[in-house]
N, C-alpha and C. Protein backbone atom coordinates (compact mmCIF):
# COMPACT_ATOMS: atom_id res chain seq x y z
N VAL A 1 2.42 -7.04 18.75
CA VAL A 1 2.67 -5.72 18.04
C VAL A 1 3.87 -5.07 18.79
N GLN A 2 4.84 -4.70 18.04
CA GLN A 2 5.93 -3.88 18.59
C GLN A 2 5.95 -2.49 18.00
N LEU A 3 6.09 -1.48 18.82
CA LEU A 3 6.08 -0.10 18.33
C LEU A 3 7.42 0.53 18.60
N GLN A 4 8.03 1.10 17.56
CA GLN A 4 9.33 1.84 17.70
C GLN A 4 9.12 3.27 17.39
N ALA A 5 9.22 4.15 18.40
CA ALA A 5 9.04 5.63 18.25
C ALA A 5 10.38 6.30 18.12
N SER A 6 10.36 7.41 17.41
CA SER A 6 11.54 8.09 17.25
C SER A 6 11.18 9.59 16.82
N GLY A 7 12.16 10.48 16.79
CA GLY A 7 11.99 11.75 16.32
C GLY A 7 11.98 12.94 17.35
N GLY A 8 12.08 12.54 18.63
CA GLY A 8 12.08 13.55 19.62
C GLY A 8 13.33 14.39 19.62
N GLY A 9 13.40 15.45 20.33
CA GLY A 9 14.62 16.25 20.39
C GLY A 9 14.35 17.55 21.05
N LEU A 10 15.42 18.46 21.04
CA LEU A 10 15.29 19.72 21.63
C LEU A 10 15.07 20.76 20.56
N VAL A 11 14.08 21.62 20.73
CA VAL A 11 13.82 22.65 19.68
C VAL A 11 13.36 23.88 20.37
N GLN A 12 13.64 24.99 19.76
CA GLN A 12 13.14 26.31 20.39
C GLN A 12 11.64 26.58 20.03
N ALA A 13 11.15 27.38 20.89
CA ALA A 13 9.74 27.68 20.74
C ALA A 13 9.49 28.23 19.30
N GLY A 14 8.41 27.83 18.71
CA GLY A 14 8.06 28.16 17.33
C GLY A 14 8.60 27.23 16.33
N GLY A 15 9.40 26.30 16.76
CA GLY A 15 10.03 25.29 15.83
C GLY A 15 9.19 24.09 15.58
N SER A 16 9.73 23.20 14.81
CA SER A 16 9.04 22.02 14.42
C SER A 16 9.73 20.70 14.61
N LEU A 17 9.01 19.69 14.81
CA LEU A 17 9.60 18.32 14.88
C LEU A 17 8.68 17.34 14.22
N ARG A 18 9.17 16.22 13.77
CA ARG A 18 8.27 15.13 13.26
C ARG A 18 8.64 13.88 14.01
N LEU A 19 7.58 13.37 14.67
CA LEU A 19 7.71 11.99 15.26
C LEU A 19 7.31 10.92 14.40
N SER A 20 8.03 9.80 14.57
CA SER A 20 7.72 8.58 13.77
C SER A 20 7.43 7.33 14.70
N CYS A 21 6.58 6.59 14.27
CA CYS A 21 6.25 5.29 14.96
C CYS A 21 6.04 4.14 14.00
N ALA A 22 6.98 3.14 14.15
CA ALA A 22 6.90 1.99 13.19
C ALA A 22 6.35 0.80 13.96
N ALA A 23 5.31 0.16 13.40
CA ALA A 23 4.68 -1.06 13.98
C ALA A 23 5.19 -2.23 13.27
N SER A 24 5.43 -3.34 14.02
CA SER A 24 5.81 -4.62 13.45
C SER A 24 5.03 -5.63 14.21
N GLY A 25 5.05 -6.81 13.61
CA GLY A 25 4.24 -7.95 14.17
C GLY A 25 2.94 -8.05 13.50
N ASN A 26 1.97 -8.26 14.33
CA ASN A 26 0.52 -8.57 13.76
C ASN A 26 -0.15 -7.24 13.51
N VAL A 27 0.30 -6.48 12.50
CA VAL A 27 -0.11 -5.11 12.32
C VAL A 27 -1.46 -5.07 11.59
N PHE A 28 -1.90 -6.21 11.06
CA PHE A 28 -3.07 -6.25 10.27
C PHE A 28 -4.35 -6.11 11.20
N SER A 29 -4.23 -6.36 12.48
CA SER A 29 -5.34 -6.20 13.40
C SER A 29 -5.41 -4.88 14.12
N ILE A 30 -4.48 -3.98 13.79
CA ILE A 30 -4.47 -2.68 14.42
C ILE A 30 -5.65 -1.83 13.87
N VAL A 31 -6.44 -1.23 14.70
CA VAL A 31 -7.51 -0.45 14.26
C VAL A 31 -7.38 1.02 14.54
N VAL A 32 -6.51 1.41 15.51
CA VAL A 32 -6.20 2.79 15.86
C VAL A 32 -4.81 2.91 16.25
N MET A 33 -4.16 4.00 15.80
CA MET A 33 -2.81 4.31 16.30
C MET A 33 -2.85 5.65 16.70
N GLY A 34 -1.92 6.01 17.65
CA GLY A 34 -1.96 7.45 17.97
C GLY A 34 -0.73 7.76 18.85
N TRP A 35 -0.66 9.06 19.33
CA TRP A 35 0.32 9.63 20.11
C TRP A 35 -0.34 10.19 21.41
N TYR A 36 0.30 9.81 22.51
CA TYR A 36 0.01 10.35 23.79
C TYR A 36 1.26 11.01 24.38
N ARG A 37 1.15 11.90 25.32
CA ARG A 37 2.30 12.45 25.98
C ARG A 37 2.06 12.59 27.45
N GLN A 38 3.17 12.64 28.13
CA GLN A 38 3.21 12.91 29.57
C GLN A 38 4.24 13.75 29.99
N ALA A 39 3.85 14.95 30.50
CA ALA A 39 4.76 15.95 30.97
C ALA A 39 4.99 15.61 32.48
N PRO A 40 6.23 16.15 32.96
CA PRO A 40 6.58 15.96 34.35
C PRO A 40 5.51 16.31 35.30
N GLY A 41 5.14 15.41 36.15
CA GLY A 41 4.12 15.75 37.18
C GLY A 41 2.63 15.70 36.71
N LYS A 42 2.45 15.27 35.44
CA LYS A 42 1.15 15.26 34.93
C LYS A 42 0.85 13.85 34.45
N GLU A 43 -0.48 13.68 34.22
CA GLU A 43 -0.98 12.41 33.70
C GLU A 43 -0.77 12.32 32.15
N ARG A 44 -0.72 11.14 31.72
CA ARG A 44 -0.57 10.90 30.25
C ARG A 44 -1.90 11.34 29.60
N GLU A 45 -1.69 12.13 28.47
CA GLU A 45 -2.90 12.61 27.78
C GLU A 45 -2.85 12.28 26.34
N LEU A 46 -3.94 12.21 25.66
CA LEU A 46 -4.12 12.01 24.22
C LEU A 46 -3.62 13.20 23.48
N VAL A 47 -2.90 13.01 22.45
CA VAL A 47 -2.44 14.14 21.61
C VAL A 47 -3.21 14.01 20.30
N ALA A 48 -3.15 12.92 19.60
CA ALA A 48 -3.74 12.61 18.27
C ALA A 48 -3.80 11.19 17.97
N THR A 49 -4.88 10.90 17.26
CA THR A 49 -5.04 9.43 16.81
C THR A 49 -5.46 9.38 15.39
N ILE A 50 -5.36 8.18 14.76
CA ILE A 50 -5.77 8.01 13.50
C ILE A 50 -6.25 6.58 13.29
N THR A 51 -7.42 6.38 12.72
CA THR A 51 -7.96 4.99 12.67
C THR A 51 -7.46 4.32 11.38
N ASP A 52 -7.75 3.01 11.24
CA ASP A 52 -7.36 2.30 10.08
C ASP A 52 -8.03 2.85 8.80
N ARG A 53 -9.15 3.64 8.95
CA ARG A 53 -9.91 4.21 7.93
C ARG A 53 -9.40 5.67 7.71
N GLY A 54 -8.32 6.04 8.46
CA GLY A 54 -7.83 7.40 8.27
C GLY A 54 -8.51 8.50 9.00
N ILE A 55 -9.47 8.22 9.82
CA ILE A 55 -10.12 9.28 10.62
C ILE A 55 -9.18 9.73 11.73
N THR A 56 -9.10 11.00 11.87
CA THR A 56 -8.12 11.61 12.76
C THR A 56 -8.87 12.28 13.93
N ASN A 57 -8.17 12.35 14.99
CA ASN A 57 -8.69 13.07 16.27
C ASN A 57 -7.51 13.78 16.93
N TYR A 58 -7.81 15.00 17.38
CA TYR A 58 -6.69 15.73 17.99
C TYR A 58 -7.17 16.34 19.38
N ALA A 59 -6.24 16.47 20.30
CA ALA A 59 -6.52 17.26 21.50
C ALA A 59 -6.65 18.78 21.11
N ASP A 60 -7.59 19.48 21.75
CA ASP A 60 -7.77 20.81 21.45
C ASP A 60 -6.56 21.72 21.48
N THR A 61 -5.54 21.25 22.37
CA THR A 61 -4.38 22.11 22.59
C THR A 61 -3.44 21.97 21.39
N VAL A 62 -3.56 20.96 20.45
CA VAL A 62 -2.71 20.84 19.41
C VAL A 62 -3.25 20.99 18.02
N LYS A 63 -4.62 21.16 17.99
CA LYS A 63 -5.25 21.36 16.75
C LYS A 63 -4.71 22.52 16.03
N ASP A 64 -4.59 22.42 14.66
CA ASP A 64 -4.03 23.53 13.82
C ASP A 64 -2.54 23.61 13.91
N ARG A 65 -1.84 22.85 14.77
CA ARG A 65 -0.45 22.90 14.90
C ARG A 65 0.14 21.49 14.62
N PHE A 66 -0.49 20.45 15.05
CA PHE A 66 0.04 19.16 14.81
C PHE A 66 -0.82 18.41 13.73
N THR A 67 -0.19 17.57 12.98
CA THR A 67 -0.86 16.73 11.97
C THR A 67 -0.38 15.28 12.12
N ILE A 68 -1.33 14.43 12.25
CA ILE A 68 -0.97 12.88 12.35
C ILE A 68 -1.24 12.40 10.97
N PHE A 69 -0.47 11.50 10.44
CA PHE A 69 -0.62 10.87 9.17
C PHE A 69 0.03 9.48 9.23
N ARG A 70 -0.24 8.77 8.14
CA ARG A 70 0.32 7.36 8.20
C ARG A 70 0.87 6.97 6.80
N ASP A 71 1.76 5.97 6.78
CA ASP A 71 2.24 5.37 5.59
C ASP A 71 1.87 3.91 5.70
N ARG A 72 0.89 3.38 5.05
CA ARG A 72 0.58 2.03 5.24
C ARG A 72 1.63 1.05 4.75
N ALA A 73 2.37 1.44 3.70
CA ALA A 73 3.44 0.60 3.17
C ALA A 73 4.48 0.27 4.18
N ARG A 74 4.72 1.28 5.06
CA ARG A 74 5.75 1.18 6.14
C ARG A 74 5.23 0.83 7.45
N ASN A 75 3.86 0.57 7.45
CA ASN A 75 3.25 0.29 8.81
C ASN A 75 3.57 1.29 9.87
N SER A 76 3.59 2.55 9.47
CA SER A 76 4.05 3.68 10.28
C SER A 76 3.04 4.77 10.43
N ILE A 77 3.18 5.49 11.48
CA ILE A 77 2.45 6.77 11.64
C ILE A 77 3.45 7.84 12.00
N TYR A 78 3.08 9.02 11.70
CA TYR A 78 3.92 10.22 11.98
C TYR A 78 3.17 11.28 12.53
N MET A 79 3.78 12.22 13.13
CA MET A 79 3.06 13.44 13.64
C MET A 79 4.02 14.57 13.43
N GLN A 80 3.53 15.48 12.49
CA GLN A 80 4.27 16.76 12.29
C GLN A 80 3.85 17.67 13.30
N MET A 81 4.73 18.25 14.00
CA MET A 81 4.40 19.27 15.13
C MET A 81 5.05 20.53 14.71
N ASN A 82 4.17 21.55 14.52
CA ASN A 82 4.67 22.87 14.18
C ASN A 82 4.40 23.90 15.26
N ASN A 83 4.98 25.00 15.20
CA ASN A 83 4.73 26.10 16.20
C ASN A 83 4.76 25.56 17.65
N LEU A 84 5.73 24.71 17.86
CA LEU A 84 5.90 24.19 19.24
C LEU A 84 6.10 25.28 20.32
N ASN A 85 5.51 24.96 21.46
CA ASN A 85 5.74 25.90 22.61
C ASN A 85 6.16 25.10 23.85
N PRO A 86 6.63 25.69 24.91
CA PRO A 86 7.25 24.96 25.97
C PRO A 86 6.21 24.02 26.68
N GLU A 87 4.92 24.34 26.52
CA GLU A 87 3.89 23.47 27.09
C GLU A 87 3.75 22.25 26.41
N ASP A 88 4.40 22.13 25.21
CA ASP A 88 4.45 20.69 24.50
C ASP A 88 5.61 19.86 25.02
N THR A 89 6.41 20.37 25.90
CA THR A 89 7.52 19.54 26.42
C THR A 89 6.93 18.38 27.13
N ALA A 90 7.31 17.18 26.78
CA ALA A 90 6.84 15.92 27.35
C ALA A 90 7.51 14.74 26.76
N LEU A 91 7.24 13.57 27.27
CA LEU A 91 7.59 12.27 26.75
C LEU A 91 6.43 11.77 25.93
N TYR A 92 6.66 11.63 24.60
CA TYR A 92 5.61 11.26 23.71
C TYR A 92 5.67 9.75 23.49
N TYR A 93 4.51 9.17 23.58
CA TYR A 93 4.36 7.66 23.41
C TYR A 93 3.46 7.38 22.26
N CYS A 94 3.83 6.34 21.47
CA CYS A 94 3.06 5.83 20.47
C CYS A 94 2.19 4.66 20.97
N LYS A 95 0.96 4.59 20.54
CA LYS A 95 0.04 3.62 21.02
C LYS A 95 -0.77 2.94 19.84
N ALA A 96 -1.00 1.73 19.97
CA ALA A 96 -1.78 0.97 18.96
C ALA A 96 -2.83 0.07 19.62
N ASP A 97 -3.99 0.20 19.11
CA ASP A 97 -5.04 -0.63 19.59
C ASP A 97 -5.43 -1.68 18.65
N MET A 98 -5.51 -2.93 19.12
CA MET A 98 -5.79 -4.08 18.25
C MET A 98 -7.19 -4.60 18.62
N GLU A 99 -7.91 -5.11 17.69
CA GLU A 99 -9.19 -5.62 17.92
C GLU A 99 -9.06 -6.85 18.95
N GLY A 100 -9.76 -6.86 19.96
CA GLY A 100 -9.80 -8.00 20.91
C GLY A 100 -11.18 -8.49 21.17
N LEU A 101 -11.42 -9.49 21.97
CA LEU A 101 -12.70 -10.02 22.30
C LEU A 101 -13.31 -9.07 23.36
N GLY A 102 -14.20 -8.28 22.92
CA GLY A 102 -14.90 -7.36 23.81
C GLY A 102 -14.35 -6.02 24.01
N SER A 103 -12.97 -5.98 24.20
CA SER A 103 -12.24 -4.71 24.34
C SER A 103 -10.96 -4.77 23.53
N PRO A 104 -10.47 -3.61 23.10
CA PRO A 104 -9.25 -3.62 22.39
C PRO A 104 -8.01 -4.08 23.17
N ILE A 105 -7.02 -4.54 22.52
CA ILE A 105 -5.70 -4.93 23.11
C ILE A 105 -4.79 -3.80 22.74
N VAL A 106 -4.24 -3.26 23.78
CA VAL A 106 -3.37 -2.03 23.70
C VAL A 106 -1.87 -2.23 23.76
N PHE A 107 -1.25 -1.61 22.87
CA PHE A 107 0.23 -1.74 22.88
C PHE A 107 0.85 -0.32 22.96
N TRP A 108 1.97 -0.18 23.70
CA TRP A 108 2.60 1.05 23.83
C TRP A 108 4.08 0.93 23.38
N GLY A 109 4.55 1.91 22.69
CA GLY A 109 6.00 2.01 22.37
C GLY A 109 6.73 2.58 23.54
N GLN A 110 8.05 2.73 23.32
CA GLN A 110 8.80 3.49 24.28
C GLN A 110 8.64 4.99 24.01
N GLY A 111 8.83 5.86 24.95
CA GLY A 111 8.62 7.24 24.76
C GLY A 111 9.76 7.87 24.06
N THR A 112 9.47 8.94 23.40
CA THR A 112 10.51 9.80 22.80
C THR A 112 10.33 11.21 23.32
N LEU A 113 11.39 11.73 23.77
CA LEU A 113 11.38 13.07 24.50
C LEU A 113 11.40 14.28 23.66
N VAL A 114 10.41 15.12 23.84
CA VAL A 114 10.35 16.35 23.11
C VAL A 114 10.60 17.50 24.15
N THR A 115 11.48 18.32 24.00
CA THR A 115 11.85 19.47 24.80
C THR A 115 11.77 20.76 24.01
N VAL A 116 10.95 21.68 24.49
CA VAL A 116 10.76 22.89 23.76
C VAL A 116 11.30 24.04 24.71
N SER A 117 12.25 24.69 24.27
CA SER A 117 12.91 25.80 25.04
C SER A 117 12.22 27.18 24.68
N SER A 118 12.11 27.96 25.60
CA SER A 118 11.39 29.27 25.37
C SER A 118 12.50 30.34 24.91
């Protein structure tokens, strides 16, 4: 599975961005896709995930501001980010989990940088 992320950029506080992640390869075995982020000097953290059944999960810090959704026809997921604040500044990574023997097989896309100015 290959993941191509895009959509990052520079935005002012209160603004919006939409991230995209397109999956290619053996996409039929993907069970979960999501977004993670890593700010400078911090560990990578979960932002939002969506399962193959459409069940979503969000970090408390982004609930009610971010929305993850998918387009099955394009094998893509998106994340609409509204009301951004400087604490959302980070490198955002797309992740896909594929069913494996005993434990999932994990794939990461390249990061896309989101910078929120105050």
